[in-house]
């Protein structure tokens, strides 16, 4: 009894995975989730999401991991369930399809039961039907291929077919979907997308992955140098404003101190190396600012040089300073830089240093005062770095899907029977079937029947 219950449960589970309704439901669910993933920006910062959705809705969306849904466990689980569903559906049907394609029908004789069920059946009455065999055979060879001959005591059946391989179209399409899903899962589980800004003439050996609000450094295993960065503008006569046409980075890959690859990278024209793709994603200028640090006794003045976003310690103190940004105009006071000091047990607060008003730095009451000495400007290129080990698997699956569609929609399995009795009087039975494109088959079958009638001089 227990064994019967176990077998019944397994059968219910198999029927669920083989269900076409499950396939349709999963595809609709994936379509809806893809729309949601398009509407909701993926992998932004928490501050951006809170500003856009508010804290309450942010907590709900974050709980369901909708801000990085394509790497969530539940999205991968849906894809895996679809893979299992497609495999279960295919395994059930493939043996019968393979038998039809490689072995043909169990019997090629036109039996009476088949005459009652086949969709296209015509009867042609003629004298001495057995003598019409060669004439019927010749018409079969014009349309299909040379027919097989099956002889019994009372009749001769001519059987011909073409396009048996077209039944493989659906399994090939199913296989292509499986390959695409597997490629997508591999990219989701083992791939990554990072970014890095590289200034002209400088070299980097790592990229940064954004995980929620953190930026995690990931070593490349080699170095990338930006040799040059250039902008090309549209030539618009009569207009003062400039519109960027394209931006180009000249990148060089270095390994063991040697240049191994050099390429000009533009939008949609990435550099590929060791499974990584370097895309031109952004550009800009960064400011190298000189800050003066002077003690209260004015005996010593030290100049710190910081890039925007860089943090450095101040000598002979337990304070660190971070340069937030440079502004060419701060209200109406001229150019300035925004900095923030990090001191133990004190909340950091940003403030401005103005080049035209250096005395403002002396009014803060610190053991030193800061001044904005000047800056230099440098261009940088923003690179998006991706690794997707499943991309070639997806391409193979896509090509196989196109092939499957061609086989499915442009070819059909057509079968023709002609049964001729051995008696002196009788009827020639002509029958046919096709698995698709019935309109064209019906027209061709009708023409073949008319030719047989005219040849046999039907009365």
Protein backbone atom coordinates (compact mmCIF):
# COMPACT_ATOMS: atom_id res chain seq x y z
CA UNK A 1 0.00 0.00 0.00
CA UNK A 2 2.85 2.36 0.91
CA UNK A 3 4.61 1.51 -2.34
CA UNK A 4 1.48 2.26 -4.34
CA UNK A 5 1.18 5.67 -2.65
CA UNK A 6 4.84 6.40 -3.43
CA UNK A 7 4.38 5.41 -7.08
CA UNK A 8 1.21 7.53 -7.22
CA UNK A 9 3.04 10.56 -5.81
CA UNK A 10 5.91 10.13 -8.29
CA UNK A 11 3.44 9.88 -11.17
CA UNK A 12 1.68 13.08 -10.02
CA UNK A 13 5.06 14.84 -9.81
CA UNK A 14 6.05 13.64 -13.29
CA UNK A 15 2.73 14.76 -14.73
CA UNK A 16 3.27 18.19 -13.17
CA UNK A 17 6.72 18.60 -14.71
CA UNK A 18 5.45 17.29 -18.08
CA UNK A 19 2.52 19.69 -18.06
CA UNK A 20 2.21 22.22 -20.88
CA UNK A 21 0.28 24.45 -18.48
CA UNK A 22 3.38 24.64 -16.27
CA UNK A 23 5.46 25.66 -19.30
CA UNK A 24 3.05 28.45 -20.22
CA UNK A 25 2.83 29.64 -16.59
CA UNK A 26 6.62 29.77 -16.23
CA UNK A 27 7.06 31.65 -19.52
CA UNK A 28 4.39 34.21 -18.53
CA UNK A 29 6.03 34.59 -15.10
CA UNK A 30 9.45 35.19 -16.69
CA UNK A 31 7.94 37.75 -19.07
CA UNK A 32 6.32 39.64 -16.16
CA UNK A 33 9.53 39.54 -14.12
CA UNK A 34 11.52 40.81 -17.11
CA UNK A 35 9.14 43.77 -17.38
CA UNK A 36 9.59 44.46 -13.66
CA UNK A 37 13.36 44.20 -14.04
CA UNK A 38 13.19 46.77 -16.85
CA UNK A 39 11.03 49.20 -14.88
CA UNK A 40 13.07 48.92 -11.66
CA UNK A 41 16.66 50.05 -12.16
CA UNK A 42 19.01 47.25 -11.18
CA UNK A 43 22.08 47.54 -8.94
CA UNK A 44 21.68 51.20 -7.97
CA UNK A 45 22.52 52.55 -4.51
CA UNK A 46 20.15 52.38 -1.54
CA UNK A 47 19.98 56.17 -1.42
CA UNK A 48 18.69 56.29 -4.99
CA UNK A 49 16.03 53.68 -4.27
CA UNK A 50 14.90 55.33 -1.04
CA UNK A 51 14.65 58.71 -2.78
CA UNK A 52 12.58 57.18 -5.58
CA UNK A 53 10.32 54.74 -3.69
CA UNK A 54 10.41 55.84 -0.05
CA UNK A 55 11.71 53.81 2.86
CA UNK A 56 8.65 51.53 3.28
CA UNK A 57 8.39 50.42 -0.36
CA UNK A 58 12.18 50.17 -0.50
CA UNK A 59 12.17 47.65 2.36
CA UNK A 60 9.52 45.54 0.62
CA UNK A 61 11.31 45.53 -2.75
CA UNK A 62 14.66 44.88 -1.11
CA UNK A 63 13.20 41.94 0.86
CA UNK A 64 12.25 40.26 -2.45
CA UNK A 65 15.64 41.18 -3.94
CA UNK A 66 14.04 43.06 -6.85
CA UNK A 67 17.00 45.44 -7.09
CA UNK A 68 19.25 42.61 -8.32
CA UNK A 69 16.60 40.14 -9.41
CA UNK A 70 18.55 38.46 -12.22
CA UNK A 71 21.09 37.19 -9.66
CA UNK A 72 18.51 36.25 -7.02
CA UNK A 73 18.02 32.65 -5.91
CA UNK A 74 14.33 32.63 -6.84
CA UNK A 75 14.97 33.84 -10.43
CA UNK A 76 17.56 31.08 -10.88
CA UNK A 77 15.07 28.60 -9.38
CA UNK A 78 12.43 29.59 -11.97
CA UNK A 79 14.93 29.04 -14.78
CA UNK A 80 15.94 25.66 -13.36
CA UNK A 81 12.26 24.66 -13.05
CA UNK A 82 11.70 25.62 -16.70
CA UNK A 83 14.73 23.52 -17.70
CA UNK A 84 13.31 20.50 -15.83
CA UNK A 85 9.88 21.10 -17.39
CA UNK A 86 11.29 21.20 -20.94
CA UNK A 87 13.40 18.09 -20.34
CA UNK A 88 10.40 16.20 -18.95
CA UNK A 89 8.19 17.21 -21.90
CA UNK A 90 10.88 16.29 -24.43
CA UNK A 91 11.83 12.94 -22.90
CA UNK A 92 8.21 11.80 -23.14
CA UNK A 93 7.89 12.62 -26.83
CA UNK A 94 11.39 12.10 -28.22
CA UNK A 95 11.36 8.26 -28.46
CA UNK A 96 8.27 8.31 -30.69
CA UNK A 97 9.66 11.12 -32.84
CA UNK A 98 13.03 9.39 -33.28
CA UNK A 99 11.26 6.18 -34.21
CA UNK A 100 9.25 8.00 -36.89
CA UNK A 101 12.32 9.80 -38.26
CA UNK A 102 14.85 6.94 -38.36
CA UNK A 103 12.68 3.82 -38.65
CA UNK A 104 9.54 5.02 -40.39
CA UNK A 105 6.08 3.53 -39.81
CA UNK A 106 5.68 0.02 -38.40
CA UNK A 107 3.80 -1.00 -41.52
CA UNK A 108 3.74 0.69 -44.90
CA UNK A 109 0.73 -1.20 -46.17
CA UNK A 110 -2.52 0.77 -46.48
CA UNK A 111 -4.85 -1.09 -44.14
CA UNK A 112 -8.63 -0.68 -43.98
CA UNK A 113 -8.42 0.94 -40.53
CA UNK A 114 -6.07 3.57 -41.92
CA UNK A 115 -8.43 4.34 -44.80
CA UNK A 116 -11.12 5.27 -42.29
CA UNK A 117 -8.83 7.60 -40.30
CA UNK A 118 -6.52 9.26 -42.83
CA UNK A 119 -7.57 12.83 -43.71
CA UNK A 120 -7.12 12.54 -47.49
CA UNK A 121 -8.59 9.48 -49.22
CA UNK A 122 -9.79 9.13 -52.83
CA UNK A 123 -10.94 6.07 -54.80
CA UNK A 124 -10.48 5.63 -58.53
CA UNK A 125 -12.43 2.85 -60.26
CA UNK A 126 -10.71 1.31 -63.24
CA UNK A 127 -10.36 -1.93 -65.16
CA UNK A 128 -7.32 -4.13 -64.50
CA UNK A 129 -6.00 -1.89 -61.69
CA UNK A 130 -2.92 -4.04 -61.17
CA UNK A 131 -1.69 -3.06 -64.64
CA UNK A 132 -1.76 0.62 -63.66
CA UNK A 133 1.06 0.18 -61.14
CA UNK A 134 3.81 1.70 -63.28
CA UNK A 135 1.65 4.68 -64.21
CA UNK A 136 0.81 5.39 -60.55
CA UNK A 137 4.46 4.87 -59.58
CA UNK A 138 5.63 7.41 -62.17
CA UNK A 139 3.35 10.10 -60.74
CA UNK A 140 4.53 9.33 -57.22
CA UNK A 141 8.16 9.73 -58.27
CA UNK A 142 7.42 13.17 -59.76
CA UNK A 143 6.04 14.47 -56.49
CA UNK A 144 7.87 12.56 -53.76
CA UNK A 145 10.61 9.97 -54.06
CA UNK A 146 10.70 6.48 -55.48
CA UNK A 147 7.98 4.57 -53.61
CA UNK A 148 8.34 1.35 -51.66
CA UNK A 149 6.34 -1.66 -52.88
CA UNK A 150 4.42 -3.84 -50.42
CA UNK A 151 2.71 -6.86 -51.95
CA UNK A 152 0.08 -9.09 -50.36
CA UNK A 153 -2.11 -11.86 -51.71
CA UNK A 154 -4.87 -9.46 -52.73
CA UNK A 155 -3.19 -6.12 -53.41
CA UNK A 156 -0.06 -4.09 -54.04
CA UNK A 157 0.59 -0.95 -51.99
CA UNK A 158 2.94 1.80 -53.14
CA UNK A 159 4.18 3.97 -50.28
CA UNK A 160 6.22 7.15 -50.56
CA UNK A 161 7.12 9.93 -48.15
CA UNK A 162 9.36 12.94 -47.70
CA UNK A 163 10.34 15.31 -44.91
CA UNK A 164 10.54 12.82 -42.04
CA UNK A 165 13.35 14.93 -40.56
CA UNK A 166 10.90 17.85 -40.16
CA UNK A 167 9.51 16.14 -37.07
CA UNK A 168 12.84 16.96 -35.39
CA UNK A 169 12.02 20.68 -35.54
CA UNK A 170 10.22 20.78 -32.20
CA UNK A 171 12.85 18.75 -30.27
CA UNK A 172 15.61 20.91 -31.78
CA UNK A 173 13.78 24.05 -30.68
CA UNK A 174 13.29 22.62 -27.18
CA UNK A 175 16.99 21.74 -27.05
CA UNK A 176 17.94 25.27 -28.13
CA UNK A 177 15.81 26.76 -25.33
CA UNK A 178 17.53 24.46 -22.83
CA UNK A 179 20.96 25.53 -24.08
CA UNK A 180 20.01 29.22 -23.87
CA UNK A 181 18.67 28.78 -20.32
CA UNK A 182 21.82 26.90 -19.26
CA UNK A 183 23.97 29.65 -20.77
CA UNK A 184 21.96 32.28 -18.93
CA UNK A 185 22.31 30.39 -15.64
CA UNK A 186 26.08 30.08 -16.12
CA UNK A 187 26.35 33.82 -16.77
CA UNK A 188 24.23 34.58 -13.72
CA UNK A 189 26.14 32.26 -11.38
CA UNK A 190 29.72 32.62 -12.63
CA UNK A 191 29.78 35.96 -14.44
CA UNK A 192 30.08 39.51 -13.14
CA UNK A 193 29.81 43.14 -14.21
CA UNK A 194 32.22 45.71 -12.84
CA UNK A 195 33.51 49.18 -13.61
CA UNK A 196 36.70 51.16 -13.33
CA UNK A 197 37.84 54.68 -14.21
CA UNK A 198 41.29 54.94 -15.79
CA UNK A 199 43.08 58.24 -16.36
CA UNK A 200 45.24 58.84 -19.39
CA UNK A 201 48.68 57.32 -18.93
CA UNK A 202 47.70 55.35 -15.83
CA UNK A 203 47.38 51.61 -15.27
CA UNK A 204 44.86 49.56 -13.25
CA UNK A 205 44.91 45.91 -12.25
CA UNK A 206 41.43 45.57 -10.72
CA UNK A 207 37.81 46.49 -11.26
CA UNK A 208 35.05 47.24 -8.79
CA UNK A 209 31.82 45.30 -8.40
CA UNK A 210 28.82 47.12 -6.96
CA UNK A 211 27.04 45.00 -4.37
CA UNK A 212 24.24 47.09 -2.93
CA UNK A 213 26.05 50.09 -1.40
CA UNK A 214 29.53 48.54 -1.39
CA UNK A 215 32.18 48.52 -4.08
CA UNK A 216 34.20 45.30 -3.98
CA UNK A 217 37.58 45.23 -5.71
CA UNK A 218 38.18 42.25 -8.00
CA UNK A 219 41.71 41.61 -9.34
CA UNK A 220 42.03 41.15 -13.10
CA UNK A 221 45.17 39.02 -13.12
CA UNK A 222 46.77 41.48 -15.56
CA UNK A 223 47.03 45.24 -16.05
CA UNK A 224 45.18 47.67 -18.32
CA UNK A 225 46.71 50.98 -19.38
CA UNK A 226 44.88 53.90 -20.97
CA UNK A 227 47.31 55.33 -23.51
CA UNK A 228 44.98 58.00 -24.87
CA UNK A 229 41.42 59.25 -24.69
CA UNK A 230 39.81 61.43 -27.33
CA UNK A 231 36.44 62.97 -28.15
CA UNK A 232 35.00 63.57 -31.62
CA UNK A 233 32.30 66.20 -32.06
CA UNK A 234 29.62 66.67 -34.70
CA UNK A 235 30.29 69.47 -37.15
CA UNK A 236 27.19 71.66 -36.78
CA UNK A 237 27.59 74.93 -38.73
CA UNK A 238 26.18 77.97 -37.01
CA UNK A 239 25.96 76.37 -33.57
CA UNK A 240 28.24 77.20 -30.67
CA UNK A 241 27.39 74.21 -28.49
CA UNK A 242 29.28 71.00 -29.11
CA UNK A 243 27.65 67.58 -29.34
CA UNK A 244 29.81 64.51 -28.80
CA UNK A 245 29.82 62.14 -31.76
CA UNK A 246 31.96 59.39 -30.25
CA UNK A 247 34.60 58.85 -27.61
CA UNK A 248 37.56 56.52 -27.98
CA UNK A 249 40.03 54.99 -25.54
CA UNK A 250 43.32 53.44 -26.60
CA UNK A 251 43.82 50.55 -24.17
CA UNK A 252 46.84 48.29 -23.74
CA UNK A 253 46.87 44.96 -21.90
CA UNK A 254 50.08 44.25 -19.96
CA UNK A 255 51.25 40.94 -18.53
CA UNK A 256 54.60 40.38 -16.82
CA UNK A 257 55.58 43.93 -17.75
CA UNK A 258 55.05 43.30 -21.49
CA UNK A 259 52.46 44.80 -23.83
CA UNK A 260 50.38 41.88 -25.16
CA UNK A 261 47.38 43.59 -26.77
CA UNK A 262 46.45 47.09 -27.88
CA UNK A 263 43.09 48.25 -29.21
CA UNK A 264 40.95 51.34 -29.72
CA UNK A 265 37.76 50.87 -27.67
CA UNK A 266 34.56 52.67 -28.64
CA UNK A 267 30.90 52.32 -27.71
CA UNK A 268 29.69 48.86 -28.86
CA UNK A 269 33.27 47.97 -29.89
CA UNK A 270 34.79 46.39 -26.77
CA UNK A 271 38.20 44.87 -26.13
CA UNK A 272 38.11 41.14 -25.37
CA UNK A 273 40.83 39.41 -23.39
CA UNK A 274 40.81 36.19 -21.36
CA UNK A 275 37.03 35.99 -21.18
CA UNK A 276 36.64 39.64 -20.14
CA UNK A 277 35.05 42.38 -22.24
CA UNK A 278 36.03 46.03 -21.71
CA UNK A 279 33.27 48.38 -22.90
CA UNK A 280 33.51 52.14 -23.32
CA UNK A 281 30.83 53.25 -20.85
CA UNK A 282 31.55 56.83 -19.81
CA UNK A 283 34.15 59.56 -19.68
CA UNK A 284 34.89 62.72 -17.79
CA UNK A 285 37.50 64.88 -16.16
CA UNK A 286 38.90 64.52 -12.68
CA UNK A 287 40.67 67.22 -10.72
CA UNK A 288 43.99 66.83 -8.97
CA UNK A 289 43.75 69.46 -6.23
CA UNK A 290 46.57 70.96 -4.17
CA UNK A 291 45.63 71.72 -0.56
CA UNK A 292 47.77 73.72 1.81
CA UNK A 293 47.97 72.41 5.41
CA UNK A 294 49.55 74.84 7.87
CA UNK A 295 49.89 74.59 11.64
CA UNK A 296 48.67 77.37 13.92
CA UNK A 297 52.15 78.66 14.63
CA UNK A 298 52.61 79.11 10.87
CA UNK A 299 56.03 77.53 10.99
CA UNK A 300 55.39 74.87 8.40
CA UNK A 301 53.11 74.52 5.38
CA UNK A 302 52.61 71.17 3.72
CA UNK A 303 50.95 70.72 0.32
CA UNK A 304 48.69 67.71 -0.16
CA UNK A 305 47.71 66.61 -3.65
CA UNK A 306 44.43 64.71 -3.79
CA UNK A 307 42.18 63.42 -6.53
CA UNK A 308 38.42 63.82 -6.24
CA UNK A 309 37.13 61.07 -3.97
CA UNK A 310 40.58 60.34 -2.51
CA UNK A 311 41.30 60.20 1.22
CA UNK A 312 44.71 60.88 2.82
CA UNK A 313 46.05 61.30 6.38
CA UNK A 314 47.26 64.70 7.59
CA UNK A 315 50.82 64.45 8.89
CA UNK A 316 51.46 64.76 12.63
CA UNK A 317 47.76 64.37 13.49
CA UNK A 318 45.11 61.72 13.94
CA UNK A 319 42.94 63.31 11.23
CA UNK A 320 42.19 62.19 7.69
CA UNK A 321 40.92 64.40 4.90
CA UNK A 322 38.82 63.45 1.88
CA UNK A 323 38.42 65.61 -1.20
CA UNK A 324 34.80 65.38 -2.29
CA UNK A 325 34.65 67.60 -5.37
CA UNK A 326 35.85 70.67 -7.17
CA UNK A 327 33.46 73.41 -8.31
CA UNK A 328 34.42 76.23 -10.70
CA UNK A 329 31.86 78.51 -9.03
CA UNK A 330 30.60 78.25 -5.45
CA UNK A 331 27.63 80.61 -5.32
CA UNK A 332 29.25 83.95 -6.19
CA UNK A 333 32.56 83.37 -4.40
CA UNK A 334 34.54 81.82 -7.25
CA UNK A 335 36.10 78.40 -7.46
CA UNK A 336 36.42 76.09 -4.50
CA UNK A 337 36.66 72.52 -3.27
CA UNK A 338 34.50 70.58 -0.85
CA UNK A 339 36.35 68.50 1.74
CA UNK A 340 35.52 66.53 4.87
CA UNK A 341 37.69 65.76 7.91
CA UNK A 342 37.59 62.44 9.74
CA UNK A 343 38.51 62.71 13.42
CA UNK A 344 38.12 60.11 16.19
CA UNK A 345 34.80 60.30 18.01
CA UNK A 346 33.56 63.18 15.86
CA UNK A 347 30.89 63.22 13.20
CA UNK A 348 32.39 64.14 9.81
CA UNK A 349 30.89 67.24 8.23
CA UNK A 350 31.77 68.55 4.77
CA UNK A 351 32.79 72.20 4.21
CA UNK A 352 34.08 74.38 1.40
CA UNK A 353 37.53 75.89 0.85
CA UNK A 354 37.46 78.95 -1.41
CA UNK A 355 40.50 80.01 -3.40
CA UNK A 356 39.63 83.73 -3.24
CA UNK A 357 38.93 83.64 0.52
CA UNK A 358 41.75 81.61 2.15
CA UNK A 359 41.06 83.20 5.53
CA UNK A 360 37.90 81.08 5.89
CA UNK A 361 40.06 78.05 6.67
CA UNK A 362 41.57 79.86 9.66
CA UNK A 363 38.18 80.39 11.31
CA UNK A 364 37.43 76.69 11.91
CA UNK A 365 39.42 76.48 15.13
CA UNK A 366 41.39 73.32 14.22
CA UNK A 367 45.03 72.77 15.19
CA UNK A 368 45.80 73.52 11.52
CA UNK A 369 44.06 75.42 8.78
CA UNK A 370 43.50 74.48 5.17
CA UNK A 371 43.76 76.46 1.94
CA UNK A 372 42.90 75.72 -1.67
CA UNK A 373 46.13 76.22 -3.64
CA UNK A 374 45.10 75.16 -7.16
CA UNK A 375 44.36 72.17 -9.35
CA UNK A 376 45.19 70.35 -12.54
CA UNK A 377 42.62 68.64 -14.75
CA UNK A 378 42.91 65.18 -16.22
CA UNK A 379 40.61 63.19 -18.49
CA UNK A 380 39.57 59.68 -17.60
CA UNK A 381 37.74 56.90 -19.39
CA UNK A 382 35.01 54.92 -17.67
CA UNK A 383 35.11 51.23 -18.54
CA UNK A 384 32.48 48.60 -17.91
CA UNK A 385 34.10 45.20 -17.50
CA UNK A 386 31.99 42.07 -17.89
CA UNK A 387 32.62 38.37 -17.70
CA UNK A 388 29.92 36.04 -19.03
CA UNK A 389 31.04 32.43 -19.46
CA UNK A 390 27.62 31.52 -20.82
CA UNK A 391 27.50 34.00 -23.69
CA UNK A 392 28.84 31.58 -26.33
CA UNK A 393 26.46 28.90 -25.07
CA UNK A 394 23.59 31.36 -25.57
CA UNK A 395 24.82 32.12 -29.10
CA UNK A 396 24.97 28.40 -29.95
CA UNK A 397 21.45 27.97 -28.55
CA UNK A 398 20.18 30.95 -30.56
CA UNK A 399 21.62 29.55 -33.79
CA UNK A 400 20.12 26.15 -33.03
CA UNK A 401 16.75 27.79 -32.35
CA UNK A 402 16.77 29.49 -35.77
CA UNK A 403 17.59 26.13 -37.38
CA UNK A 404 14.77 24.50 -35.41
CA UNK A 405 12.31 27.17 -36.55
CA UNK A 406 13.33 26.68 -40.19
CA UNK A 407 12.85 22.91 -39.94
CA UNK A 408 9.52 23.33 -38.13
CA UNK A 409 7.90 25.98 -40.33
CA UNK A 410 9.34 25.40 -43.81
CA UNK A 411 9.29 21.60 -44.03
CA UNK A 412 6.58 18.99 -43.42
CA UNK A 413 6.33 15.22 -43.21
CA UNK A 414 4.20 14.12 -46.18
CA UNK A 415 3.08 10.53 -46.81
CA UNK A 416 1.27 8.98 -49.79
CA UNK A 417 -0.28 5.53 -50.30
CA UNK A 418 -1.63 3.96 -53.46
CA UNK A 419 -3.34 0.58 -53.02
CA UNK A 420 -4.01 -1.38 -56.21
CA UNK A 421 -6.10 -4.60 -56.04
CA UNK A 422 -4.95 -7.63 -58.03
CA UNK A 423 -8.45 -8.39 -59.29
CA UNK A 424 -9.53 -7.57 -62.84
CA UNK A 425 -11.98 -4.97 -61.60
CA UNK A 426 -11.75 -2.74 -58.57
CA UNK A 427 -10.74 0.55 -57.07
CA UNK A 428 -7.37 2.16 -56.69
CA UNK A 429 -7.30 3.75 -53.22
CA UNK A 430 -5.19 6.89 -52.97
CA UNK A 431 -4.49 8.27 -49.47
CA UNK A 432 -2.24 10.85 -47.94
CA UNK A 433 -1.36 12.74 -44.76
CA UNK A 434 0.83 15.61 -43.63
CA UNK A 435 1.72 16.96 -40.20
CA UNK A 436 1.55 20.63 -41.28
CA UNK A 437 0.96 22.98 -44.24
CA UNK A 438 -2.29 21.20 -45.03
CA UNK A 439 -3.45 23.73 -47.61
CA UNK A 440 -0.47 23.16 -49.91
CA UNK A 441 -0.60 19.40 -49.39
CA UNK A 442 -4.32 19.25 -50.16
CA UNK A 443 -3.75 21.11 -53.43
CA UNK A 444 -0.86 18.82 -54.47
CA UNK A 445 -2.77 15.69 -53.44
CA UNK A 446 -5.77 16.77 -55.49
CA UNK A 447 -3.56 17.33 -58.53
CA UNK A 448 -2.02 13.87 -58.12
CA UNK A 449 -5.47 12.24 -57.85
CA UNK A 450 -6.61 14.06 -61.02
CA UNK A 451 -3.52 12.84 -62.88
CA UNK A 452 -4.18 9.25 -61.81
CA UNK A 453 -7.83 9.52 -62.81
CA UNK A 454 -6.97 10.89 -66.24
CA UNK A 455 -4.31 8.25 -66.80
CA UNK A 456 -6.51 5.36 -65.76
CA UNK A 457 -9.41 6.78 -67.81
CA UNK A 458 -11.90 6.79 -64.96
CA UNK A 459 -15.48 5.90 -66.08
